Amino acid sequence: MAHVIVASDDQLTYVPGDCGCLEYRRPPDQLGQFLINDCGLWPTLKPPPDGTDLRRLRAHPLLRTLALDQHYAVAFVPSYSRVAVIDAWAAALLKRLPTDGSTPTTEERETVAQLAAAGLLSEQADSRVPPPAPPTTLVAWLHLTTACNLRCSYCYSAPRNEVMSAATACQAVDAVVRTAVRHGYRSILLKYAGGEPLLQLPLLLATQHYAQTTAAAQNLQVAGAVLSNGVLLDQRAATQLAQAGLSVMVSLDGMAGVHDALRPTVNGNPSYQAAMRGLKQARAAGVPVTVGITVTAGNVNHLPEFVTTLLAEDLPFGISFYRDHAPARLADGLRPDEQQLIEGMRRVYAAVAARPPRWSVLSALLDRAHPGAAHQRSCASGEHYLVIDPHGRIARCQMTIMETLTSVDAQDPLDDLRRDPSGAHSLPVDAKAGCRSCEWRYWCGGGCAVTIHRATGCTEARSPSCAIYQALFPDILRMEGQRLLHWHQHTA
């Protein structure tokens, strides 16, 4: 029986959200790294190097545990470590460290090495947590069209009939590659969005092919993700996406009645059945798929049933919280109140605990937060992130796409975004006075910059959702511990 349990490679999955955050399962031909993870790197913690005196190691000063049952606890160092399950024997060993100079047994050495690899030990009584490594991926949204076949109640993009030309798409790719090379990024993530990007499927496929060719010439890795409502995902489209190496996130917000009320077609008809059919077509074709759920006042009380359905289908999903389209004083009533959201999410967590998936839930169940994967910002907006509209104009964030600040013609559009003082800026969490002392700061990233700016008029303030995150972090960590323990016991 293992004394320390952490997520293995086959328990980590692709979970894209609508904020620029992606994880990919580790490719079999890229052992030792992830292809793309643009919100920060999965912890590059390794076993102590040969020659390390394990007798000097002790429990990290910030180590915390949450009991799972009388035998096991989930252990973690907030904002830094992996999330691990330890048994009573390992917990007792942690209390004894550092050892009294006696030679540890083989079992003790193996367990200490596992604890150290998870980031739960330290050689010094130093309570500082090192800041995350800088990201290595440049993210770019390409809004191929503003046209859409749905009329979602919470959409921030006004439906029009603008379409990106093929020439502009190539200019956009050239700008992204040029910027990545200039700033030393090793990979590029292109997120094809709209409107509904599948309305322009030939353009999407041609752009991805051009991006692959152009990036390869600069020794850059490139990945592509399609953010779709799924309605147009027929077998032919799914096959083409698979051949192009693209992944797909399909937006679904509940079972049929709930989803259809929030996301009707342009003619007011239901869209759930077509979207679910498209999702299954894509998965059958070999496309990596996930479900994106936006939590609003309209679906927060109905999500446990829907999440249970997704788990039964073994469909990965990611949850995002609704963001107001305008300043708080003009709120549209779609945002659930704080207590309603906390209670609703805890019911979702209970549904996950009742049917734990093989894949890790850490990045899926708290909007923009990644427990176990440190990051300085909640998203890449304005820092390593370009949002390109159909005319080649560039904004910091897809939620502020009408506030363009530069274009694909600029020599360095990323630098233009960083330097422009206007609007919402995604600041490093260490630069936010209300966040820099928070134990969760590198797992939270400080919250959505646009939401903060709209609520407070500045970006230095704490997120209006701060209390929600503070309340839910322990729930997610305990649930991940239960998931790890469940699958360890069922596969041991």
Protein backbone atom coordinates (compact mmCIF):
# COMPACT_ATOMS: atom_id res chain seq x y z
CA MET A 1 0.00 0.00 0.00
CA ALA A 2 1.44 3.36 -1.00
CA HIS A 3 2.03 5.88 1.77
CA VAL A 4 1.84 8.86 -0.63
CA ILE A 5 -0.63 9.12 -3.52
CA VAL A 6 -0.51 11.80 -6.23
CA ALA A 7 -2.14 12.08 -9.63
CA SER A 8 -0.42 10.00 -12.30
CA ASP A 9 -0.09 11.00 -15.94
CA ASP A 10 -3.25 9.17 -17.00
CA GLN A 11 -5.24 11.12 -14.42
CA LEU A 12 -4.44 14.47 -16.00
CA THR A 13 -6.56 15.54 -18.88
CA TYR A 14 -7.23 18.32 -21.35
CA VAL A 15 -9.53 20.87 -19.69
CA PRO A 16 -9.90 24.14 -21.57
CA GLY A 17 -11.81 27.07 -20.13
CA ASP A 18 -13.02 30.27 -21.72
CA CYS A 19 -10.30 32.34 -20.09
CA GLY A 20 -7.18 31.18 -21.88
CA CYS A 21 -6.37 28.34 -19.50
CA LEU A 22 -5.54 24.95 -20.92
CA GLU A 23 -4.03 21.72 -19.77
CA TYR A 24 -3.19 18.85 -22.06
CA ARG A 25 -2.62 15.24 -21.17
CA ARG A 26 1.08 14.58 -21.43
CA PRO A 27 1.76 13.35 -24.99
CA PRO A 28 3.42 9.92 -25.10
CA ASP A 29 6.21 11.27 -27.26
CA GLN A 30 6.88 14.23 -24.96
CA LEU A 31 7.56 12.57 -21.64
CA GLY A 32 8.78 15.02 -19.05
CA GLN A 33 6.72 18.00 -20.19
CA PHE A 34 3.27 19.11 -21.17
CA LEU A 35 2.67 20.32 -24.69
CA ILE A 36 0.68 23.36 -23.63
CA ASN A 37 -0.29 24.80 -20.27
CA ASP A 38 -0.63 28.50 -20.70
CA CYS A 39 -1.74 29.56 -17.22
CA GLY A 40 1.47 28.31 -15.67
CA LEU A 41 3.46 25.12 -15.61
CA TRP A 42 2.32 21.99 -13.88
CA PRO A 43 4.77 21.80 -10.96
CA THR A 44 8.20 20.76 -12.18
CA LEU A 45 8.90 19.21 -8.78
CA LYS A 46 11.28 16.27 -8.94
CA PRO A 47 12.63 13.73 -6.47
CA PRO A 48 15.66 14.97 -4.52
CA PRO A 49 18.85 14.58 -6.56
CA ASP A 50 21.20 11.74 -5.79
CA GLY A 51 23.34 12.56 -2.80
CA THR A 52 20.70 14.63 -0.99
CA ASP A 53 20.80 13.95 2.72
CA LEU A 54 17.16 13.01 3.34
CA ARG A 55 17.78 13.24 7.07
CA ARG A 56 17.87 17.04 6.74
CA LEU A 57 14.41 17.31 5.21
CA ARG A 58 11.41 18.36 7.26
CA ALA A 59 7.76 19.10 6.67
CA HIS A 60 7.36 22.36 4.77
CA PRO A 61 6.49 25.14 7.26
CA LEU A 62 3.28 25.89 5.34
CA LEU A 63 2.18 22.26 5.02
CA ARG A 64 -1.54 21.78 5.60
CA THR A 65 -3.64 18.63 5.87
CA LEU A 66 -7.37 17.94 5.62
CA ALA A 67 -8.66 14.67 7.03
CA LEU A 68 -10.40 12.33 4.60
CA ASP A 69 -11.15 9.55 7.09
CA GLN A 70 -9.49 7.97 10.12
CA HIS A 71 -6.66 6.60 7.97
CA TYR A 72 -5.95 9.21 5.28
CA ALA A 73 -5.55 12.94 4.82
CA VAL A 74 -4.97 15.21 1.84
CA ALA A 75 -1.70 17.12 2.21
CA PHE A 76 -0.58 20.25 0.37
CA VAL A 77 1.43 23.45 0.62
CA PRO A 78 -0.91 26.21 -0.59
CA SER A 79 0.22 27.90 -3.79
CA TYR A 80 3.19 25.58 -4.26
CA SER A 81 3.01 21.80 -3.97
CA ARG A 82 1.27 18.95 -5.68
CA VAL A 83 -1.87 17.73 -3.94
CA ALA A 84 -1.20 14.39 -2.26
CA VAL A 85 -2.96 11.84 -0.09
CA ILE A 86 -0.94 10.53 2.84
CA ASP A 87 -1.74 7.68 5.19
CA ALA A 88 -1.24 7.63 8.96
CA TRP A 89 2.25 6.11 8.62
CA ALA A 90 3.40 8.93 6.31
CA ALA A 91 1.76 11.53 8.57
CA ALA A 92 3.69 10.15 11.55
CA LEU A 93 6.90 10.21 9.53
CA LEU A 94 6.30 13.87 8.67
CA LYS A 95 6.04 14.71 12.37
CA ARG A 96 9.37 12.98 13.09
CA LEU A 97 11.30 14.84 10.41
CA PRO A 98 14.07 15.85 10.45
CA THR A 99 15.36 12.56 11.80
CA ASP A 100 17.64 12.41 14.82
CA GLY A 101 20.62 11.41 12.71
CA SER A 102 19.81 7.72 12.61
CA THR A 103 19.95 6.03 9.24
CA PRO A 104 16.42 5.89 7.73
CA THR A 105 15.03 2.57 6.61
CA THR A 106 14.47 1.85 2.94
CA GLU A 107 10.73 2.37 3.39
CA GLU A 108 11.33 5.71 5.11
CA ARG A 109 13.73 6.87 2.40
CA GLU A 110 11.26 5.97 -0.36
CA THR A 111 8.43 7.79 1.39
CA VAL A 112 10.56 10.87 2.13
CA ALA A 113 11.57 10.97 -1.54
CA GLN A 114 7.89 10.85 -2.58
CA LEU A 115 6.97 13.59 -0.12
CA ALA A 116 9.84 15.74 -1.37
CA ALA A 117 8.88 15.17 -5.01
CA ALA A 118 5.38 16.39 -4.19
CA GLY A 119 6.81 19.58 -2.69
CA LEU A 120 5.71 18.78 0.86
CA LEU A 121 9.20 18.91 2.39
CA SER A 122 11.86 21.56 2.83
CA GLU A 123 15.51 21.59 3.88
CA GLN A 124 15.05 24.85 5.78
CA ALA A 125 12.50 26.35 8.13
CA ASP A 126 11.72 28.92 5.45
CA SER A 127 8.04 29.67 4.96
CA ARG A 128 8.46 31.55 1.69
CA VAL A 129 6.86 30.09 -1.40
CA PRO A 130 8.82 30.67 -4.62
CA PRO A 131 6.91 32.49 -7.36
CA PRO A 132 5.81 30.48 -10.39
CA ALA A 133 7.97 30.11 -13.44
CA PRO A 134 7.01 32.47 -16.29
CA PRO A 135 4.75 30.97 -18.97
CA THR A 136 6.27 29.64 -22.15
CA THR A 137 3.19 29.76 -24.40
CA LEU A 138 1.75 32.72 -26.32
CA VAL A 139 -2.03 32.49 -26.56
CA ALA A 140 -4.06 34.07 -29.35
CA TRP A 141 -7.80 34.10 -29.89
CA LEU A 142 -8.80 34.35 -33.53
CA HIS A 143 -12.38 35.52 -33.81
CA LEU A 144 -13.07 34.22 -37.30
CA THR A 145 -16.57 35.67 -37.40
CA THR A 146 -19.04 37.60 -35.29
CA ALA A 147 -21.96 35.65 -36.78
CA CYS A 148 -23.58 33.01 -34.60
CA ASN A 149 -26.40 30.49 -34.89
CA LEU A 150 -27.32 30.85 -31.19
CA ARG A 151 -28.55 33.73 -29.05
CA CYS A 152 -27.11 32.98 -25.62
CA SER A 153 -28.46 35.07 -22.78
CA TYR A 154 -25.05 35.92 -21.36
CA CYS A 155 -22.98 36.41 -24.53
CA TYR A 156 -20.63 39.40 -24.43
CA SER A 157 -20.24 39.51 -28.23
CA ALA A 158 -22.86 41.39 -30.22
CA PRO A 159 -23.99 39.21 -33.17
CA ARG A 160 -23.02 40.74 -36.50
CA ASN A 161 -22.01 39.23 -39.81
CA GLU A 162 -18.34 40.11 -39.93
CA VAL A 163 -15.98 37.46 -41.28
CA MET A 164 -12.19 37.38 -41.16
CA SER A 165 -10.68 37.23 -44.63
CA ALA A 166 -8.10 34.58 -45.51
CA ALA A 167 -5.50 37.31 -45.93
CA THR A 168 -6.22 38.74 -42.48
CA ALA A 169 -6.07 35.25 -40.95
CA CYS A 170 -2.58 34.74 -42.40
CA GLN A 171 -1.53 38.20 -41.18
CA ALA A 172 -2.83 37.28 -37.72
CA VAL A 173 -0.81 34.06 -37.67
CA ASP A 174 2.28 35.93 -38.90
CA ALA A 175 1.82 38.47 -36.09
CA VAL A 176 1.47 35.75 -33.46
CA VAL A 177 4.54 33.85 -34.69
CA ARG A 178 6.56 37.06 -34.98
CA THR A 179 5.59 38.04 -31.45
CA ALA A 180 6.35 34.61 -30.02
CA VAL A 181 9.84 34.64 -31.53
CA ARG A 182 10.52 38.20 -30.37
CA HIS A 183 9.54 37.42 -26.77
CA GLY A 184 11.11 33.98 -26.55
CA TYR A 185 7.99 31.83 -26.23
CA ARG A 186 8.44 28.18 -27.09
CA SER A 187 4.88 27.41 -28.16
CA ILE A 188 1.70 28.98 -29.48
CA LEU A 189 -1.90 28.21 -28.70
CA LEU A 190 -4.51 29.40 -31.19
CA LYS A 191 -8.10 29.50 -29.96
CA TYR A 192 -10.60 29.69 -32.79
CA ALA A 193 -13.68 31.57 -31.64
CA GLY A 194 -16.58 33.70 -32.81
CA GLY A 195 -19.45 34.07 -32.94
CA GLU A 196 -19.51 30.46 -33.96
CA PRO A 197 -16.19 29.52 -35.62
CA LEU A 198 -17.61 26.40 -37.32
CA LEU A 199 -19.63 28.74 -39.54
CA GLN A 200 -16.21 29.38 -41.14
CA LEU A 201 -14.82 25.84 -41.03
CA PRO A 202 -12.81 26.03 -44.32
CA LEU A 203 -11.13 29.24 -43.11
CA LEU A 204 -10.46 27.65 -39.72
CA LEU A 205 -8.78 24.60 -41.24
CA ALA A 206 -6.75 26.64 -43.71
CA THR A 207 -5.58 28.96 -40.93
CA GLN A 208 -4.51 26.08 -38.70
CA HIS A 209 -2.55 24.50 -41.55
CA TYR A 210 -0.84 27.82 -42.26
CA ALA A 211 -0.05 28.23 -38.57
CA GLN A 212 1.49 24.76 -38.34
CA THR A 213 3.72 25.43 -41.33
CA THR A 214 4.71 28.92 -40.23
CA ALA A 215 5.39 27.95 -36.61
CA ALA A 216 7.45 24.91 -37.60
CA ALA A 217 9.73 27.14 -39.65
CA GLN A 218 10.52 29.00 -36.42
CA ASN A 219 10.87 25.85 -34.28
CA LEU A 220 7.70 26.69 -32.38
CA GLN A 221 5.14 24.19 -31.20
CA VAL A 222 1.57 25.07 -32.10
CA ALA A 223 -1.74 23.77 -30.77
CA GLY A 224 -5.26 24.74 -31.77
CA ALA A 225 -8.54 24.68 -29.87
CA VAL A 226 -12.01 25.37 -31.25
CA LEU A 227 -14.53 27.04 -28.93
CA SER A 228 -17.90 26.03 -30.30
CA ASN A 229 -21.56 25.67 -29.40
CA GLY A 230 -21.38 22.23 -31.03
CA VAL A 231 -24.52 22.52 -33.13
CA LEU A 232 -22.64 22.30 -36.44
CA LEU A 233 -20.33 19.48 -35.36
CA ASP A 234 -21.42 16.78 -37.80
CA GLN A 235 -19.34 13.74 -38.71
CA ARG A 236 -17.60 15.45 -41.62
CA ALA A 237 -16.59 18.48 -39.56
CA ALA A 238 -15.43 16.26 -36.70
CA THR A 239 -13.25 14.20 -39.03
CA GLN A 240 -11.66 17.32 -40.48
CA LEU A 241 -10.93 18.74 -37.03
CA ALA A 242 -9.33 15.46 -35.99
CA GLN A 243 -7.14 15.40 -39.10
CA ALA A 244 -6.03 18.96 -38.34
CA GLY A 245 -5.02 18.02 -34.80
CA LEU A 246 -7.52 20.40 -33.23
CA SER A 247 -9.32 20.05 -29.91
CA VAL A 248 -12.84 21.25 -29.20
CA MET A 249 -14.61 22.79 -26.25
CA VAL A 250 -18.39 22.63 -26.55
CA SER A 251 -20.41 24.99 -24.38
CA LEU A 252 -23.20 23.22 -22.51
CA ASP A 253 -24.87 24.74 -19.48
CA GLY A 254 -27.14 22.02 -18.16
CA MET A 255 -29.63 19.38 -19.16
CA ALA A 256 -31.93 20.09 -22.11
CA GLY A 257 -34.48 22.39 -20.47
CA VAL A 258 -31.92 24.51 -18.64
CA HIS A 259 -29.47 24.68 -21.55
CA ASP A 260 -32.14 25.52 -24.11
CA ALA A 261 -33.45 28.39 -21.99
CA LEU A 262 -29.96 29.90 -21.75
CA ARG A 263 -28.69 29.05 -25.23
CA PRO A 264 -31.53 28.98 -27.81
CA THR A 265 -30.91 29.09 -31.54
CA VAL A 266 -31.26 32.31 -33.50
CA ASN A 267 -34.88 31.31 -34.16
CA GLY A 268 -35.57 30.53 -30.50
CA ASN A 269 -35.40 26.75 -30.92
CA PRO A 270 -33.67 24.26 -28.60
CA SER A 271 -29.96 23.60 -29.14
CA TYR A 272 -29.08 20.99 -26.50
CA GLN A 273 -29.67 17.82 -28.51
CA ALA A 274 -27.70 19.08 -31.50
CA ALA A 275 -24.83 20.26 -29.29
CA MET A 276 -24.64 16.96 -27.40
CA ARG A 277 -24.78 15.03 -30.66
CA GLY A 278 -21.94 17.15 -32.04
CA LEU A 279 -19.86 16.59 -28.93
CA LYS A 280 -20.22 12.82 -29.28
CA GLN A 281 -19.46 12.97 -33.00
CA ALA A 282 -16.22 14.81 -32.26
CA ARG A 283 -15.16 12.35 -29.60
CA ALA A 284 -15.95 9.40 -31.87
CA ALA A 285 -13.73 10.96 -34.55
CA GLY A 286 -10.81 11.15 -32.11
CA VAL A 287 -10.99 14.86 -31.35
CA PRO A 288 -9.99 15.75 -27.76
CA VAL A 289 -13.20 17.22 -26.37
CA THR A 290 -14.35 18.91 -23.22
CA VAL A 291 -17.51 20.62 -22.03
CA GLY A 292 -17.41 24.26 -20.96
CA ILE A 293 -20.02 25.20 -18.36
CA THR A 294 -20.82 28.82 -17.52
CA VAL A 295 -22.46 29.17 -14.11
CA THR A 296 -25.28 31.71 -13.97
CA ALA A 297 -28.25 32.36 -11.74
CA GLY A 298 -30.24 30.41 -14.33
CA ASN A 299 -28.41 27.10 -13.95
CA VAL A 300 -26.51 27.09 -10.64
CA ASN A 301 -29.20 25.04 -8.88
CA HIS A 302 -29.42 22.48 -11.71
CA LEU A 303 -25.76 21.67 -12.27
CA PRO A 304 -25.37 18.56 -10.07
CA GLU A 305 -27.64 16.51 -12.34
CA PHE A 306 -25.80 17.73 -15.43
CA VAL A 307 -22.34 17.07 -13.97
CA THR A 308 -23.47 13.57 -13.00
CA THR A 309 -24.49 13.00 -16.62
CA LEU A 310 -21.11 14.19 -17.92
CA LEU A 311 -19.27 11.96 -15.46
CA ALA A 312 -21.36 8.97 -16.54
CA GLU A 313 -20.25 9.70 -20.13
CA ASP A 314 -16.63 10.19 -18.95
CA LEU A 315 -16.65 13.66 -20.49
CA PRO A 316 -14.12 16.14 -19.06
CA PHE A 317 -15.54 19.54 -18.24
CA GLY A 318 -14.46 22.92 -16.92
CA ILE A 319 -16.54 25.44 -14.99
CA SER A 320 -16.48 29.20 -15.50
CA PHE A 321 -18.40 31.78 -13.51
CA TYR A 322 -20.59 34.27 -15.34
CA ARG A 323 -19.08 37.74 -15.70
CA ASP A 324 -21.16 40.89 -15.91
CA HIS A 325 -21.09 42.61 -19.27
CA ALA A 326 -21.05 46.08 -17.71
CA PRO A 327 -20.10 47.84 -14.46
CA ALA A 328 -21.66 46.39 -11.32
CA ARG A 329 -24.27 49.13 -11.10
CA LEU A 330 -25.68 47.90 -14.41
CA ALA A 331 -25.69 44.19 -13.52
CA ASP A 332 -28.12 42.17 -15.61
CA GLY A 333 -29.28 39.67 -12.99
CA LEU A 334 -27.46 36.66 -14.44
CA ARG A 335 -24.82 36.55 -11.70
CA PRO A 336 -25.79 34.32 -8.73
CA ASP A 337 -25.28 35.91 -5.34
CA GLU A 338 -22.25 34.87 -3.30
CA GLN A 339 -23.94 32.38 -0.98
CA GLN A 340 -26.02 30.90 -3.79
CA LEU A 341 -22.86 30.27 -5.80
CA ILE A 342 -20.97 28.72 -2.88
CA GLU A 343 -23.84 26.40 -1.99
CA GLY A 344 -24.44 25.53 -5.65
CA MET A 345 -20.80 24.65 -6.23
CA ARG A 346 -20.70 22.50 -3.12
CA ARG A 347 -23.62 20.50 -4.48
CA VAL A 348 -21.66 20.07 -7.71
CA TYR A 349 -18.66 18.88 -5.71
CA ALA A 350 -20.84 16.36 -3.91
CA ALA A 351 -21.96 15.02 -7.29
CA VAL A 352 -18.32 14.64 -8.36
CA ALA A 353 -17.42 12.95 -5.07
CA ALA A 354 -20.22 10.43 -5.63
CA ARG A 355 -18.79 9.48 -9.03
CA PRO A 356 -15.08 10.40 -9.02
CA PRO A 357 -13.53 10.58 -12.50
CA ARG A 358 -10.13 9.15 -13.39
CA TRP A 359 -8.98 12.60 -14.45
CA SER A 360 -7.97 15.30 -12.01
CA VAL A 361 -10.69 17.77 -11.02
CA LEU A 362 -8.28 20.41 -9.74
CA SER A 363 -8.44 22.73 -12.74
CA ALA A 364 -12.08 22.03 -13.58
CA LEU A 365 -14.18 23.09 -10.63
CA LEU A 366 -13.19 26.59 -9.59
CA ASP A 367 -13.16 29.21 -12.32
CA ARG A 368 -9.62 30.16 -13.38
CA ALA A 369 -8.06 28.58 -10.30
CA HIS A 370 -5.55 25.74 -10.57
CA PRO A 371 -4.74 24.17 -7.21
CA GLY A 372 -1.47 22.35 -7.65
CA ALA A 373 -0.39 24.46 -10.65
CA ALA A 374 1.02 27.82 -9.62
CA HIS A 375 0.44 30.91 -11.74
CA GLN A 376 0.96 34.65 -11.21
CA ARG A 377 -2.15 35.69 -13.12
CA SER A 378 -5.64 34.26 -13.29
CA CYS A 379 -5.42 34.41 -17.09
CA ALA A 380 -3.03 35.44 -19.80
CA SER A 381 -4.92 38.62 -20.74
CA GLY A 382 -2.64 41.42 -21.86
CA GLU A 383 0.49 39.57 -20.80
CA HIS A 384 0.95 36.61 -23.13
CA TYR A 385 -2.42 36.81 -24.80
CA LEU A 386 -3.73 38.40 -28.01
CA VAL A 387 -7.40 38.66 -28.99
CA ILE A 388 -7.79 39.30 -32.70
CA ASP A 389 -11.09 40.40 -34.22
CA PRO A 390 -12.23 39.68 -37.82
CA HIS A 391 -10.58 42.90 -39.05
CA GLY A 392 -7.19 42.10 -37.53
CA ARG A 393 -7.57 44.52 -34.64
CA ILE A 394 -6.22 43.33 -31.30
CA ALA A 395 -7.59 43.63 -27.77
CA ARG A 396 -6.39 42.35 -24.40
CA CYS A 397 -9.37 40.13 -23.65
CA GLN A 398 -12.21 38.49 -25.53
CA MET A 399 -14.63 40.19 -23.10
CA THR A 400 -13.31 43.60 -24.20
CA ILE A 401 -12.91 42.80 -27.87
CA MET A 402 -14.54 46.11 -28.83
CA GLU A 403 -11.69 47.94 -27.03
CA THR A 404 -8.94 47.26 -29.56
CA LEU A 405 -5.52 48.78 -28.89
CA THR A 406 -3.32 47.62 -31.77
CA SER A 407 -3.45 45.40 -34.87
CA VAL A 408 -1.78 42.54 -36.69
CA ASP A 409 0.18 45.12 -38.70
CA ALA A 410 2.11 46.20 -35.60
CA GLN A 411 5.66 44.99 -35.29
CA ASP A 412 5.11 43.94 -31.68
CA PRO A 413 1.39 43.91 -30.78
CA LEU A 414 2.03 42.20 -27.44
CA ASP A 415 4.28 45.03 -26.34
CA ASP A 416 1.59 47.50 -27.45
CA LEU A 417 -0.95 45.79 -25.20
CA ARG A 418 1.41 45.69 -22.24
CA ARG A 419 2.33 49.36 -22.54
CA ASP A 420 -1.14 50.83 -23.06
CA PRO A 421 -2.35 52.16 -19.67
CA SER A 422 -6.07 52.08 -20.44
CA GLY A 423 -8.63 49.51 -19.37
CA ALA A 424 -8.22 46.35 -17.33
CA HIS A 425 -4.74 44.91 -16.84
CA SER A 426 -4.09 41.40 -15.55
CA LEU A 427 -1.52 42.16 -12.85
CA PRO A 428 0.76 39.61 -11.20
CA VAL A 429 -0.89 38.52 -7.98
CA ASP A 430 2.23 39.58 -6.06
CA ALA A 431 1.58 43.15 -7.25
CA LYS A 432 -1.91 43.25 -5.72
CA ALA A 433 -1.89 44.60 -2.15
CA GLY A 434 -4.98 42.63 -1.17
CA CYS A 435 -3.56 39.37 -2.50
CA ARG A 436 0.16 39.15 -1.88
CA SER A 437 -0.23 37.77 1.64
CA CYS A 438 -2.96 35.25 0.76
CA GLU A 439 -1.96 31.60 1.07
CA TRP A 440 -3.92 30.70 -2.08
CA ARG A 441 -2.51 33.48 -4.26
CA TYR A 442 -0.55 31.38 -6.79
CA TRP A 443 -3.40 28.90 -7.20
CA CYS A 444 -5.94 31.70 -7.59
CA GLY A 445 -3.96 34.26 -9.57
CA GLY A 446 -5.94 37.18 -8.20
CA GLY A 447 -9.17 36.89 -10.15
CA CYS A 448 -10.49 38.15 -13.49
CA ALA A 449 -9.02 41.57 -14.27
CA VAL A 450 -12.04 42.67 -16.29
CA THR A 451 -14.47 41.70 -13.53
CA ILE A 452 -12.36 43.54 -10.95
CA HIS A 453 -12.09 46.63 -13.14
CA ARG A 454 -15.82 46.72 -13.80
CA ALA A 455 -16.62 46.29 -10.11
CA THR A 456 -14.05 48.68 -8.66
CA GLY A 457 -12.72 50.90 -11.44
CA CYS A 458 -9.15 49.62 -10.96
CA THR A 459 -7.24 46.37 -11.33
CA GLU A 460 -5.16 46.50 -8.14
CA ALA A 461 -8.13 45.57 -5.93
CA ARG A 462 -9.05 42.12 -4.71
CA SER A 463 -11.57 40.19 -6.76
CA PRO A 464 -15.24 40.57 -5.76
CA SER A 465 -15.26 36.75 -5.82
CA CYS A 466 -12.45 36.47 -3.25
CA ALA A 467 -14.71 35.14 -0.46
CA ILE A 468 -16.09 32.50 -2.83
CA TYR A 469 -12.61 31.20 -3.61
CA GLN A 470 -11.55 31.27 0.02
CA ALA A 471 -14.60 29.19 0.92
CA LEU A 472 -14.26 26.65 -1.90
CA PHE A 473 -10.53 25.90 -2.06
CA PRO A 474 -10.63 23.45 0.88
CA ASP A 475 -13.66 21.70 -0.62
CA ILE A 476 -11.88 21.13 -3.93
CA LEU A 477 -8.69 19.92 -2.27
CA ARG A 478 -10.56 17.47 -0.07
CA MET A 479 -12.51 16.23 -3.09
CA GLU A 480 -9.31 15.70 -5.09
CA GLY A 481 -7.95 13.73 -2.17
CA GLN A 482 -11.06 11.56 -2.12
CA ARG A 483 -10.73 11.02 -5.88
CA LEU A 484 -7.09 9.99 -5.61
CA LEU A 485 -7.84 7.63 -2.76
CA HIS A 486 -10.82 6.10 -4.57
CA TRP A 487 -8.87 5.26 -7.71
CA HIS A 488 -5.83 4.08 -5.82
CA GLN A 489 -7.93 1.65 -3.84
CA HIS A 490 -9.75 0.45 -6.96
CA THR A 491 -6.63 -0.09 -9.05
CA ALA A 492 -4.17 -1.29 -6.39
